[in-house]
């Protein structure tokens, strides 16, 4: 058991070292920070969507923006699209589960807003439909996937393709990148 614990930790460290060595990914983080700041300055918003653990990560990151990260400051408009369970279950029942996020993107998304799409495979049908709806609304689509990017890759303005094919390691990378973005947006806007 101890060996598996060490192996999991080393895999996580290796994935993060690969992020650190990827200059293109660093540039993407900087560009997404600028896009977030621009959206907030223009009274826009950031929406998040994901399934399962990625939904939890989406909600976590939205809360970092709308609540606080490192210090007290005014809230920023960010929301995870799955938090209204009545809406989700109604749309899934009346239309289709694959429409749950796209429908809310059409209702809430505006040109210049951002949609963060978290999908470790990059192939979740409801996430793909949300990205398409966001593009139709004139939103900026930020994908967070595993190394392959999946079908989400071509629908993104920016893609964080975590350097792993292992779901837990991918999600750990997404949270690291998400926290860095939250920190830098907060610094740019309030210091």
Protein backbone atom coordinates (compact mmCIF):
# COMPACT_ATOMS: atom_id res chain seq x y z
CA UNK A 1 0.00 0.00 0.00
CA UNK A 2 2.77 2.44 0.88
CA UNK A 3 4.30 1.96 -2.58
CA UNK A 4 0.98 2.85 -4.28
CA UNK A 5 0.73 5.98 -2.15
CA UNK A 6 4.19 7.06 -3.28
CA UNK A 7 3.38 6.19 -6.89
CA UNK A 8 0.21 8.33 -6.87
CA UNK A 9 2.07 11.28 -5.37
CA UNK A 10 4.89 10.93 -7.90
CA UNK A 11 2.39 10.79 -10.77
CA UNK A 12 0.80 14.01 -9.53
CA UNK A 13 4.19 15.70 -9.19
CA UNK A 14 5.20 14.55 -12.68
CA UNK A 15 2.05 15.99 -14.23
CA UNK A 16 2.62 19.31 -12.51
CA UNK A 17 6.29 19.36 -13.56
CA UNK A 18 5.12 18.84 -17.15
CA UNK A 19 2.85 21.88 -16.79
CA UNK A 20 5.75 23.90 -15.40
CA UNK A 21 7.94 22.94 -18.38
CA UNK A 22 5.26 23.82 -20.97
CA UNK A 23 5.77 27.45 -22.01
CA UNK A 24 2.70 27.32 -24.27
CA UNK A 25 0.55 26.39 -21.30
CA UNK A 26 2.02 29.27 -19.30
CA UNK A 27 1.10 31.64 -22.13
CA UNK A 28 -2.42 30.20 -22.19
CA UNK A 29 -2.81 30.81 -18.46
CA UNK A 30 -1.74 34.44 -18.97
CA UNK A 31 -4.16 34.87 -21.89
CA UNK A 32 -7.07 33.39 -19.94
CA UNK A 33 -6.33 35.67 -16.99
CA UNK A 34 -6.49 38.65 -19.37
CA UNK A 35 -9.77 37.38 -20.87
CA UNK A 36 -11.29 36.95 -17.40
CA UNK A 37 -10.21 40.43 -16.30
CA UNK A 38 -11.58 41.93 -19.51
CA UNK A 39 -14.92 40.18 -19.05
CA UNK A 40 -15.25 41.33 -15.45
CA UNK A 41 -14.26 44.91 -16.30
CA UNK A 42 -17.00 44.95 -18.95
CA UNK A 43 -19.55 43.73 -16.36
CA UNK A 44 -19.44 40.21 -17.79
CA UNK A 45 -19.39 36.85 -16.12
CA UNK A 46 -17.68 33.49 -16.05
CA UNK A 47 -19.73 30.32 -16.25
CA UNK A 48 -18.46 26.82 -15.49
CA UNK A 49 -19.70 23.34 -16.39
CA UNK A 50 -18.55 19.80 -15.72
CA UNK A 51 -19.80 16.37 -14.73
CA UNK A 52 -19.07 14.40 -11.55
CA UNK A 53 -15.76 15.43 -10.02
CA UNK A 54 -15.37 18.07 -12.72
CA UNK A 55 -18.72 19.56 -11.66
CA UNK A 56 -17.38 19.79 -8.11
CA UNK A 57 -14.22 21.45 -9.43
CA UNK A 58 -16.33 23.84 -11.54
CA UNK A 59 -18.36 24.83 -8.49
CA UNK A 60 -15.19 25.25 -6.42
CA UNK A 61 -13.60 27.60 -8.96
CA UNK A 62 -16.79 29.63 -9.40
CA UNK A 63 -16.90 30.10 -5.62
CA UNK A 64 -13.31 31.36 -5.59
CA UNK A 65 -14.33 34.17 -7.97
CA UNK A 66 -17.72 35.02 -6.48
CA UNK A 67 -16.60 34.66 -2.87
CA UNK A 68 -12.97 35.47 -2.27
CA UNK A 69 -9.59 33.89 -2.87
CA UNK A 70 -6.67 35.42 -0.96
CA UNK A 71 -8.29 38.58 0.38
CA UNK A 72 -11.57 40.38 0.93
CA UNK A 73 -12.75 42.23 -2.16
CA UNK A 74 -15.96 42.77 -4.11
CA UNK A 75 -17.51 39.59 -5.55
CA UNK A 76 -17.00 38.67 -9.19
CA UNK A 77 -19.89 37.16 -11.18
CA UNK A 78 -19.05 33.48 -11.61
CA UNK A 79 -21.42 30.52 -11.47
CA UNK A 80 -21.33 26.78 -11.97
CA UNK A 81 -24.24 25.85 -14.23
CA UNK A 82 -25.25 22.70 -12.36
CA UNK A 83 -26.12 24.26 -9.00
CA UNK A 84 -29.84 24.68 -9.82
CA UNK A 85 -31.00 21.08 -9.47
CA UNK A 86 -34.62 21.92 -10.33
CA UNK A 87 -33.49 23.38 -13.65
CA UNK A 88 -31.11 20.48 -14.37
CA UNK A 89 -33.72 17.80 -13.66
CA UNK A 90 -36.45 19.63 -15.58
CA UNK A 91 -34.32 20.10 -18.69
CA UNK A 92 -33.01 16.53 -18.50
CA UNK A 93 -36.57 15.26 -18.21
CA UNK A 94 -38.28 17.58 -20.71
CA UNK A 95 -35.50 17.72 -23.32
CA UNK A 96 -32.39 15.62 -22.81
CA UNK A 97 -29.54 15.40 -20.30
CA UNK A 98 -27.15 16.50 -23.04
CA UNK A 99 -29.02 19.85 -23.21
CA UNK A 100 -28.69 20.84 -19.55
CA UNK A 101 -25.72 23.15 -19.93
CA UNK A 102 -26.39 24.41 -23.46
CA UNK A 103 -29.84 25.62 -22.44
CA UNK A 104 -28.49 27.59 -19.48
CA UNK A 105 -25.65 28.99 -21.59
CA UNK A 106 -28.27 30.32 -24.03
CA UNK A 107 -30.17 31.88 -21.12
CA UNK A 108 -27.27 33.40 -19.19
CA UNK A 109 -24.31 33.71 -21.56
CA UNK A 110 -23.57 36.94 -23.39
CA UNK A 111 -20.96 38.01 -25.87
CA UNK A 112 -17.62 38.47 -24.12
CA UNK A 113 -18.49 36.20 -21.19
CA UNK A 114 -16.39 33.10 -20.59
CA UNK A 115 -17.46 29.46 -20.32
CA UNK A 116 -15.04 27.06 -18.66
CA UNK A 117 -15.77 23.51 -19.85
CA UNK A 118 -14.27 20.85 -17.60
CA UNK A 119 -14.17 17.37 -19.16
CA UNK A 120 -11.27 15.02 -18.50
CA UNK A 121 -11.97 13.14 -21.75
CA UNK A 122 -13.03 16.19 -23.73
CA UNK A 123 -15.88 14.09 -25.10
CA UNK A 124 -18.82 14.62 -22.71
CA UNK A 125 -21.86 15.31 -24.94
CA UNK A 126 -23.43 17.87 -22.60
CA UNK A 127 -20.14 19.76 -22.34
CA UNK A 128 -19.68 19.73 -26.13
CA UNK A 129 -23.19 21.12 -26.62
CA UNK A 130 -22.51 23.82 -24.02
CA UNK A 131 -19.31 24.85 -25.83
CA UNK A 132 -21.18 25.06 -29.13
CA UNK A 133 -23.96 27.15 -27.55
CA UNK A 134 -21.34 29.44 -25.98
CA UNK A 135 -19.65 30.01 -29.34
CA UNK A 136 -23.04 30.83 -30.86
CA UNK A 137 -23.54 33.41 -28.07
CA UNK A 138 -20.16 35.01 -28.77
CA UNK A 139 -18.65 33.73 -25.54
CA UNK A 140 -15.04 32.73 -25.02
CA UNK A 141 -14.70 28.97 -24.46
CA UNK A 142 -11.99 27.71 -22.13
CA UNK A 143 -11.56 23.94 -22.18
CA UNK A 144 -10.01 21.93 -19.37
CA UNK A 145 -9.31 18.37 -20.50
CA UNK A 146 -6.77 15.58 -20.35
CA UNK A 147 -3.83 15.31 -22.71
CA UNK A 148 -5.86 14.31 -25.76
CA UNK A 149 -8.33 17.21 -25.63
CA UNK A 150 -11.03 15.08 -27.25
CA UNK A 151 -13.79 16.57 -29.37
CA UNK A 152 -13.74 19.68 -27.16
CA UNK A 153 -10.32 20.76 -28.47
CA UNK A 154 -11.51 22.41 -31.71
CA UNK A 155 -14.38 24.20 -29.94
CA UNK A 156 -12.10 26.07 -27.53
CA UNK A 157 -10.59 29.49 -27.76
CA UNK A 158 -8.18 28.36 -25.03
CA UNK A 159 -7.40 24.80 -23.97
CA UNK A 160 -5.74 23.48 -20.84
CA UNK A 161 -4.98 19.90 -21.82
CA UNK A 162 -3.54 18.52 -18.60
CA UNK A 163 -0.49 16.32 -19.32
CA UNK A 164 -2.09 13.07 -18.16
CA UNK A 165 -4.64 10.47 -19.21
CA UNK A 166 -5.49 9.53 -15.61
CA UNK A 167 -8.69 11.21 -14.39
CA UNK A 168 -7.54 12.02 -10.82
CA UNK A 169 -4.24 13.49 -12.06
CA UNK A 170 -6.08 15.51 -14.73
CA UNK A 171 -8.47 16.96 -12.15
CA UNK A 172 -5.58 17.83 -9.83
CA UNK A 173 -3.97 19.75 -12.69
CA UNK A 174 -7.26 21.52 -13.45
CA UNK A 175 -7.51 22.72 -9.87
CA UNK A 176 -3.91 23.93 -9.86
CA UNK A 177 -4.43 25.90 -13.07
CA UNK A 178 -7.82 27.16 -11.87
CA UNK A 179 -6.38 28.38 -8.58
CA UNK A 180 -3.55 30.17 -10.39
CA UNK A 181 -6.09 31.91 -12.64
CA UNK A 182 -8.21 32.94 -9.64
CA UNK A 183 -5.17 34.32 -7.84
CA UNK A 184 -3.93 36.32 -10.82
CA UNK A 185 -7.37 37.70 -11.72
CA UNK A 186 -7.87 38.82 -8.12
CA UNK A 187 -4.44 40.49 -8.08
CA UNK A 188 -4.98 42.23 -11.43
CA UNK A 189 -8.37 43.58 -10.47
CA UNK A 190 -7.92 44.53 -6.84
CA UNK A 191 -4.29 45.41 -6.13
